[in-house]
PDB file of all heavy atoms in Angstrom:
ATOM      1  N   LEU A   1       0.076  27.389  19.071  1.00  0.00           N
ATOM      2  CA  LEU A   1      -0.356  27.761  17.680  1.00  0.00           C
ATOM      3  C   LEU A   1      -0.777  29.222  17.668  1.00  0.00           C
ATOM      4  O   LEU A   1      -1.144  29.785  18.576  1.00  0.00           O
ATOM      5  CB  LEU A   1      -1.602  26.913  17.302  1.00  0.00           C
ATOM      6  CG  LEU A   1      -1.392  25.320  17.376  1.00  0.00           C
ATOM      7  CD1 LEU A   1      -2.753  24.597  17.160  1.00  0.00           C
ATOM      8  CD2 LEU A   1      -0.329  24.855  16.526  1.00  0.00           C
ATOM      9  N   SER A   2      -0.671  29.760  16.497  1.00  0.00           N
ATOM     10  CA  SER A   2      -1.195  31.126  16.181  1.00  0.00           C
ATOM     11  C   SER A   2      -2.701  30.998  16.138  1.00  0.00           C
ATOM     12  O   SER A   2      -3.274  29.877  16.000  1.00  0.00           O
ATOM     13  CB  SER A   2      -0.632  31.639  14.898  1.00  0.00           C
ATOM     14  OG  SER A   2      -1.129  30.871  13.822  1.00  0.00           O
ATOM     15  N   GLY A   3      -3.406  32.174  16.044  1.00  0.00           N
ATOM     16  CA  GLY A   3      -4.880  32.307  15.929  1.00  0.00           C
ATOM     17  C   GLY A   3      -5.291  31.625  14.681  1.00  0.00           C
ATOM     18  O   GLY A   3      -6.314  30.980  14.623  1.00  0.00           O
ATOM     19  N   GLY A   4      -4.710  31.892  13.555  1.00  0.00           N
ATOM     20  CA  GLY A   4      -5.035  31.200  12.245  1.00  0.00           C
ATOM     21  C   GLY A   4      -4.935  29.707  12.267  1.00  0.00           C
ATOM     22  O   GLY A   4      -5.630  29.032  11.688  1.00  0.00           O
ATOM     23  N   GLN A   5      -3.799  29.172  12.957  1.00  0.00           N
ATOM     24  CA  GLN A   5      -3.592  27.748  12.967  1.00  0.00           C
ATOM     25  C   GLN A   5      -4.692  27.152  13.900  1.00  0.00           C
ATOM     26  O   GLN A   5      -5.138  26.093  13.611  1.00  0.00           O
ATOM     27  CB  GLN A   5      -2.303  27.534  13.565  1.00  0.00           C
ATOM     28  CG  GLN A   5      -1.071  27.775  12.618  1.00  0.00           C
ATOM     29  CD  GLN A   5       0.290  27.851  13.308  1.00  0.00           C
ATOM     30  OE1 GLN A   5       0.410  27.919  14.570  1.00  0.00           O
ATOM     31  NE2 GLN A   5       1.255  27.777  12.466  1.00  0.00           N
ATOM     32  N   ARG A   6      -5.080  27.841  14.989  1.00  0.00           N
ATOM     33  CA  ARG A   6      -6.119  27.235  15.880  1.00  0.00           C
ATOM     34  C   ARG A   6      -7.392  27.253  15.130  1.00  0.00           C
ATOM     35  O   ARG A   6      -8.315  26.233  15.322  1.00  0.00           O
ATOM     36  CB  ARG A   6      -6.320  28.157  17.127  1.00  0.00           C
ATOM     37  CG  ARG A   6      -5.183  28.144  18.059  1.00  0.00           C
ATOM     38  CD  ARG A   6      -5.325  29.059  19.199  1.00  0.00           C
ATOM     39  NE  ARG A   6      -4.122  29.256  19.989  1.00  0.00           N
ATOM     40  CZ  ARG A   6      -4.013  30.008  21.011  1.00  0.00           C
ATOM     41  NH1 ARG A   6      -5.062  30.740  21.430  1.00  0.00           N
ATOM     42  NH2 ARG A   6      -2.804  30.201  21.655  1.00  0.00           N
ATOM     43  N   GLN A   7      -7.776  28.135  14.295  1.00  0.00           N
ATOM     44  CA  GLN A   7      -8.985  28.262  13.609  1.00  0.00           C
ATOM     45  C   GLN A   7      -8.958  27.060  12.496  1.00  0.00           C
ATOM     46  O   GLN A   7     -10.036  26.410  12.192  1.00  0.00           O
ATOM     47  CB  GLN A   7      -9.233  29.506  12.791  1.00  0.00           C
ATOM     48  CG  GLN A   7     -10.520  29.764  12.215  1.00  0.00           C
ATOM     49  CD  GLN A   7     -11.688  29.580  13.230  1.00  0.00           C
ATOM     50  OE1 GLN A   7     -12.129  28.431  13.448  1.00  0.00           O
ATOM     51  NE2 GLN A   7     -12.049  30.543  13.880  1.00  0.00           N
ATOM     52  N   ARG A   8      -7.745  26.751  11.914  1.00  0.00           N
ATOM     53  CA  ARG A   8      -7.672  25.637  11.007  1.00  0.00           C
ATOM     54  C   ARG A   8      -7.862  24.374  11.785  1.00  0.00           C
ATOM     55  O   ARG A   8      -8.422  23.318  11.155  1.00  0.00           O
ATOM     56  CB  ARG A   8      -6.394  25.717  10.227  1.00  0.00           C
ATOM     57  CG  ARG A   8      -6.414  26.570   9.107  1.00  0.00           C
ATOM     58  CD  ARG A   8      -5.010  27.155   8.835  1.00  0.00           C
ATOM     59  NE  ARG A   8      -3.985  26.272   8.528  1.00  0.00           N
ATOM     60  CZ  ARG A   8      -2.706  26.537   8.637  1.00  0.00           C
ATOM     61  NH1 ARG A   8      -2.433  27.747   8.878  1.00  0.00           N
ATOM     62  NH2 ARG A   8      -1.769  25.648   8.401  1.00  0.00           N
ATOM     63  N   VAL A   9      -7.442  24.176  13.013  1.00  0.00           N
ATOM     64  CA  VAL A   9      -7.665  22.999  13.827  1.00  0.00           C
ATOM     65  C   VAL A   9      -9.223  22.875  13.987  1.00  0.00           C
ATOM     66  O   VAL A   9      -9.796  21.784  13.968  1.00  0.00           O
ATOM     67  CB  VAL A   9      -6.932  23.060  15.184  1.00  0.00           C
ATOM     68  CG1 VAL A   9      -7.414  21.889  16.013  1.00  0.00           C
ATOM     69  CG2 VAL A   9      -5.424  23.082  14.950  1.00  0.00           C
ATOM     70  N   ALA A  10      -9.838  23.934  14.269  1.00  0.00           N
ATOM     71  CA  ALA A  10     -11.340  23.854  14.564  1.00  0.00           C
ATOM     72  C   ALA A  10     -11.901  23.465  13.249  1.00  0.00           C
ATOM     73  O   ALA A  10     -12.986  22.699  13.272  1.00  0.00           O
ATOM     74  CB  ALA A  10     -11.782  25.335  14.973  1.00  0.00           C
ATOM     75  N   MET A  11     -11.577  23.966  12.083  1.00  0.00           N
ATOM     76  CA  MET A  11     -12.034  23.505  10.750  1.00  0.00           C
ATOM     77  C   MET A  11     -11.698  21.947  10.676  1.00  0.00           C
ATOM     78  O   MET A  11     -12.568  21.273  10.183  1.00  0.00           O
ATOM     79  CB  MET A  11     -11.386  24.250   9.687  1.00  0.00           C
ATOM     80  CG  MET A  11     -11.800  25.730   9.626  1.00  0.00           C
ATOM     81  SD  MET A  11     -13.484  25.769   8.886  1.00  0.00           S
ATOM     82  CE  MET A  11     -13.189  25.037   7.242  1.00  0.00           C
ATOM     83  N   GLY A  12     -10.584  21.561  10.976  1.00  0.00           N
ATOM     84  CA  GLY A  12     -10.299  20.145  10.889  1.00  0.00           C
ATOM     85  C   GLY A  12     -11.162  19.300  11.678  1.00  0.00           C
ATOM     86  O   GLY A  12     -11.561  18.119  11.332  1.00  0.00           O
ATOM     87  N   ARG A  13     -11.399  19.762  12.870  1.00  0.00           N
ATOM     88  CA  ARG A  13     -12.307  18.997  13.729  1.00  0.00           C
ATOM     89  C   ARG A  13     -13.721  18.745  13.089  1.00  0.00           C
ATOM     90  O   ARG A  13     -14.328  17.748  13.292  1.00  0.00           O
ATOM     91  CB  ARG A  13     -12.457  19.729  15.136  1.00  0.00           C
ATOM     92  CG  ARG A  13     -13.407  19.014  16.095  1.00  0.00           C
ATOM     93  CD  ARG A  13     -13.317  19.749  17.435  1.00  0.00           C
ATOM     94  NE  ARG A  13     -13.771  21.140  17.298  1.00  0.00           N
ATOM     95  CZ  ARG A  13     -13.541  22.027  18.154  1.00  0.00           C
ATOM     96  NH1 ARG A  13     -12.955  21.743  19.303  1.00  0.00           N
ATOM     97  NH2 ARG A  13     -13.914  23.282  17.968  1.00  0.00           N
ATOM     98  N   ALA A  14     -14.222  19.803  12.423  1.00  0.00           N
ATOM     99  CA  ALA A  14     -15.482  19.672  11.715  1.00  0.00           C
ATOM    100  C   ALA A  14     -15.397  18.725  10.486  1.00  0.00           C
ATOM    101  O   ALA A  14     -16.169  17.924  10.219  1.00  0.00           O
ATOM    102  CB  ALA A  14     -15.969  20.991  11.251  1.00  0.00           C
ATOM    103  N   ILE A  15     -14.293  18.840   9.721  1.00  0.00           N
ATOM    104  CA  ILE A  15     -14.055  18.045   8.625  1.00  0.00           C
ATOM    105  C   ILE A  15     -13.993  16.502   8.772  1.00  0.00           C
ATOM    106  O   ILE A  15     -14.551  15.715   8.108  1.00  0.00           O
ATOM    107  CB  ILE A  15     -12.764  18.502   7.811  1.00  0.00           C
ATOM    108  CG1 ILE A  15     -12.914  19.839   7.244  1.00  0.00           C
ATOM    109  CG2 ILE A  15     -12.376  17.418   6.750  1.00  0.00           C
ATOM    110  CD1 ILE A  15     -11.615  20.447   6.650  1.00  0.00           C
ATOM    111  N   VAL A  16     -13.355  16.097   9.865  1.00  0.00           N
ATOM    112  CA  VAL A  16     -13.083  14.691  10.185  1.00  0.00           C
ATOM    113  C   VAL A  16     -14.419  14.030  10.461  1.00  0.00           C
ATOM    114  O   VAL A  16     -14.706  12.738  10.254  1.00  0.00           O
ATOM    115  CB  VAL A  16     -12.199  14.468  11.329  1.00  0.00           C
ATOM    116  CG1 VAL A  16     -10.832  14.848  11.003  1.00  0.00           C
ATOM    117  CG2 VAL A  16     -12.718  14.958  12.588  1.00  0.00           C
ATOM    118  N   ARG A  17     -15.364  14.755  10.889  1.00  0.00           N
ATOM    119  CA  ARG A  17     -16.713  14.140  11.161  1.00  0.00           C
ATOM    120  C   ARG A  17     -17.512  13.792   9.915  1.00  0.00           C
ATOM    121  O   ARG A  17     -18.542  13.098   9.973  1.00  0.00           O
ATOM    122  CB  ARG A  17     -17.560  15.214  12.072  1.00  0.00           C
ATOM    123  CG  ARG A  17     -16.957  15.249  13.499  1.00  0.00           C
ATOM    124  CD  ARG A  17     -17.801  16.208  14.289  1.00  0.00           C
ATOM    125  NE  ARG A  17     -19.119  15.715  14.386  1.00  0.00           N
ATOM    126  CZ  ARG A  17     -20.163  16.494  14.805  1.00  0.00           C
ATOM    127  NH1 ARG A  17     -20.053  17.709  15.275  1.00  0.00           N
ATOM    128  NH2 ARG A  17     -21.425  15.947  14.953  1.00  0.00           N
ATOM    129  N   GLN A  18     -17.164  14.359   8.752  1.00  0.00           N
ATOM    130  CA  GLN A  18     -17.885  14.196   7.447  1.00  0.00           C
ATOM    131  C   GLN A  18     -19.336  14.462   7.660  1.00  0.00           C
ATOM    132  O   GLN A  18     -20.024  13.555   7.324  1.00  0.00           O
ATOM    133  CB  GLN A  18     -17.580  12.723   6.984  1.00  0.00           C
ATOM    134  CG  GLN A  18     -16.014  12.551   6.719  1.00  0.00           C
ATOM    135  CD  GLN A  18     -15.791  11.073   6.273  1.00  0.00           C
ATOM    136  OE1 GLN A  18     -16.579  10.298   6.316  1.00  0.00           O
ATOM    137  NE2 GLN A  18     -14.446  10.946   5.832  1.00  0.00           N
ATOM    138  N   PRO A  19     -19.656  15.622   8.037  1.00  0.00           N
ATOM    139  CA  PRO A  19     -21.208  15.950   8.306  1.00  0.00           C
ATOM    140  C   PRO A  19     -21.875  16.249   7.056  1.00  0.00           C
ATOM    141  O   PRO A  19     -21.260  16.423   5.911  1.00  0.00           O
ATOM    142  CB  PRO A  19     -21.044  17.083   9.272  1.00  0.00           C
ATOM    143  CG  PRO A  19     -19.916  17.699   8.763  1.00  0.00           C
ATOM    144  CD  PRO A  19     -18.879  16.749   8.346  1.00  0.00           C
ATOM    145  N   LYS A  20     -23.120  16.327   7.081  1.00  0.00           N
ATOM    146  CA  LYS A  20     -24.015  16.759   5.854  1.00  0.00           C
ATOM    147  C   LYS A  20     -23.926  18.241   5.773  1.00  0.00           C
ATOM    148  O   LYS A  20     -24.050  18.763   4.655  1.00  0.00           O
ATOM    149  CB  LYS A  20     -25.469  16.234   6.118  1.00  0.00           C
ATOM    150  CG  LYS A  20     -25.589  14.777   5.929  1.00  0.00           C
ATOM    151  CD  LYS A  20     -27.012  14.401   6.016  1.00  0.00           C
ATOM    152  CE  LYS A  20     -27.340  12.831   5.922  1.00  0.00           C
ATOM    153  NZ  LYS A  20     -28.702  12.549   6.068  1.00  0.00           N
ATOM    154  N   VAL A  21     -23.743  18.926   6.843  1.00  0.00           N
ATOM    155  CA  VAL A  21     -23.784  20.402   6.825  1.00  0.00           C
ATOM    156  C   VAL A  21     -22.770  21.012   7.707  1.00  0.00           C
ATOM    157  O   VAL A  21     -22.594  20.636   8.915  1.00  0.00           O
ATOM    158  CB  VAL A  21     -25.193  21.073   7.248  1.00  0.00           C
ATOM    159  CG1 VAL A  21     -25.228  22.598   7.083  1.00  0.00           C
ATOM    160  CG2 VAL A  21     -26.298  20.407   6.342  1.00  0.00           C
ATOM    161  N   PHE A  22     -21.974  21.941   7.179  1.00  0.00           N
ATOM    162  CA  PHE A  22     -21.002  22.746   8.048  1.00  0.00           C
ATOM    163  C   PHE A  22     -21.719  24.051   8.513  1.00  0.00           C
ATOM    164  O   PHE A  22     -22.364  24.650   7.606  1.00  0.00           O
ATOM    165  CB  PHE A  22     -19.784  23.210   7.324  1.00  0.00           C
ATOM    166  CG  PHE A  22     -18.731  22.082   7.105  1.00  0.00           C
ATOM    167  CD1 PHE A  22     -18.065  22.181   5.864  1.00  0.00           C
ATOM    168  CD2 PHE A  22     -18.553  21.171   7.953  1.00  0.00           C
ATOM    169  CE1 PHE A  22     -17.154  21.130   5.624  1.00  0.00           C
ATOM    170  CE2 PHE A  22     -17.555  20.140   7.835  1.00  0.00           C
ATOM    171  CZ  PHE A  22     -16.853  20.148   6.536  1.00  0.00           C
ATOM    172  N   LEU A  23     -21.563  24.346   9.796  1.00  0.00           N
ATOM    173  CA  LEU A  23     -22.185  25.637  10.309  1.00  0.00           C
ATOM    174  C   LEU A  23     -21.009  26.469  10.855  1.00  0.00           C
ATOM    175  O   LEU A  23     -20.194  25.974  11.724  1.00  0.00           O
ATOM    176  CB  LEU A  23     -23.244  25.358  11.393  1.00  0.00           C
ATOM    177  CG  LEU A  23     -24.407  24.461  11.024  1.00  0.00           C
ATOM    178  CD1 LEU A  23     -25.326  24.377  12.201  1.00  0.00           C
ATOM    179  CD2 LEU A  23     -25.135  24.982   9.816  1.00  0.00           C
ATOM    180  N   MET A  24     -20.882  27.735  10.432  1.00  0.00           N
ATOM    181  CA  MET A  24     -19.696  28.638  10.844  1.00  0.00           C
ATOM    182  C   MET A  24     -20.209  29.948  11.363  1.00  0.00           C
ATOM    183  O   MET A  24     -20.942  30.652  10.624  1.00  0.00           O
ATOM    184  CB  MET A  24     -18.760  28.773   9.650  1.00  0.00           C
ATOM    185  CG  MET A  24     -18.262  27.410   9.132  1.00  0.00           C
ATOM    186  SD  MET A  24     -16.910  27.731   7.841  1.00  0.00           S
ATOM    187  CE  MET A  24     -16.730  26.086   7.187  1.00  0.00           C
ATOM    188  N   ASP A  25     -19.981  30.139  12.647  1.00  0.00           N
ATOM    189  CA  ASP A  25     -20.482  31.388  13.267  1.00  0.00           C
ATOM    190  C   ASP A  25     -19.369  32.368  13.506  1.00  0.00           C
ATOM    191  O   ASP A  25     -18.664  32.289  14.448  1.00  0.00           O
ATOM    192  CB  ASP A  25     -21.047  31.053  14.659  1.00  0.00           C
ATOM    193  CG  ASP A  25     -21.886  32.153  15.293  1.00  0.00           C
ATOM    194  OD1 ASP A  25     -22.001  33.228  14.492  1.00  0.00           O
ATOM    195  OD2 ASP A  25     -22.481  31.968  16.363  1.00  0.00           O
ATOM    196  N   GLU A  26     -19.173  33.368  12.567  1.00  0.00           N
ATOM    197  CA  GLU A  26     -18.152  34.395  12.580  1.00  0.00           C
ATOM    198  C   GLU A  26     -16.812  33.753  12.971  1.00  0.00           C
ATOM    199  O   GLU A  26     -16.193  34.261  13.928  1.00  0.00           O
ATOM    200  CB  GLU A  26     -18.555  35.493  13.531  1.00  0.00           C
ATOM    201  CG  GLU A  26     -19.913  36.008  13.189  1.00  0.00           C
ATOM    202  CD  GLU A  26     -20.055  37.475  13.632  1.00  0.00           C
ATOM    203  OE1 GLU A  26     -19.053  38.205  13.603  1.00  0.00           O
ATOM    204  OE2 GLU A  26     -21.190  37.830  14.161  1.00  0.00           O
ATOM    205  N   PRO A  27     -16.219  32.805  12.269  1.00  0.00           N
ATOM    206  CA  PRO A  27     -15.124  32.148  12.620  1.00  0.00           C
ATOM    207  C   PRO A  27     -13.864  32.927  12.522  1.00  0.00           C
ATOM    208  O   PRO A  27     -12.758  32.575  12.913  1.00  0.00           O
ATOM    209  CB  PRO A  27     -15.026  30.751  11.584  1.00  0.00           C
ATOM    210  CG  PRO A  27     -15.820  31.323  10.394  1.00  0.00           C
ATOM    211  CD  PRO A  27     -16.824  32.155  11.004  1.00  0.00           C
ATOM    212  N   LEU A  28     -13.848  33.992  11.784  1.00  0.00           N
ATOM    213  CA  LEU A  28     -12.684  34.785  11.480  1.00  0.00           C
ATOM    214  C   LEU A  28     -12.539  36.039  12.360  1.00  0.00           C
ATOM    215  O   LEU A  28     -11.656  36.791  12.129  1.00  0.00           O
ATOM    216  CB  LEU A  28     -12.607  35.286  10.058  1.00  0.00           C
ATOM    217  CG  LEU A  28     -12.773  34.074   9.053  1.00  0.00           C
ATOM    218  CD1 LEU A  28     -12.626  34.707   7.516  1.00  0.00           C
ATOM    219  CD2 LEU A  28     -11.748  32.993   9.281  1.00  0.00           C
TER     220      LEU A  28
END
């Protein structure tokens, strides 16, 4: 995967958990 695709996978991993809060530490 490209860097952008990997970052979207990391986002997907957070989304599937359906958390109350997303925390993002300089993801870009």
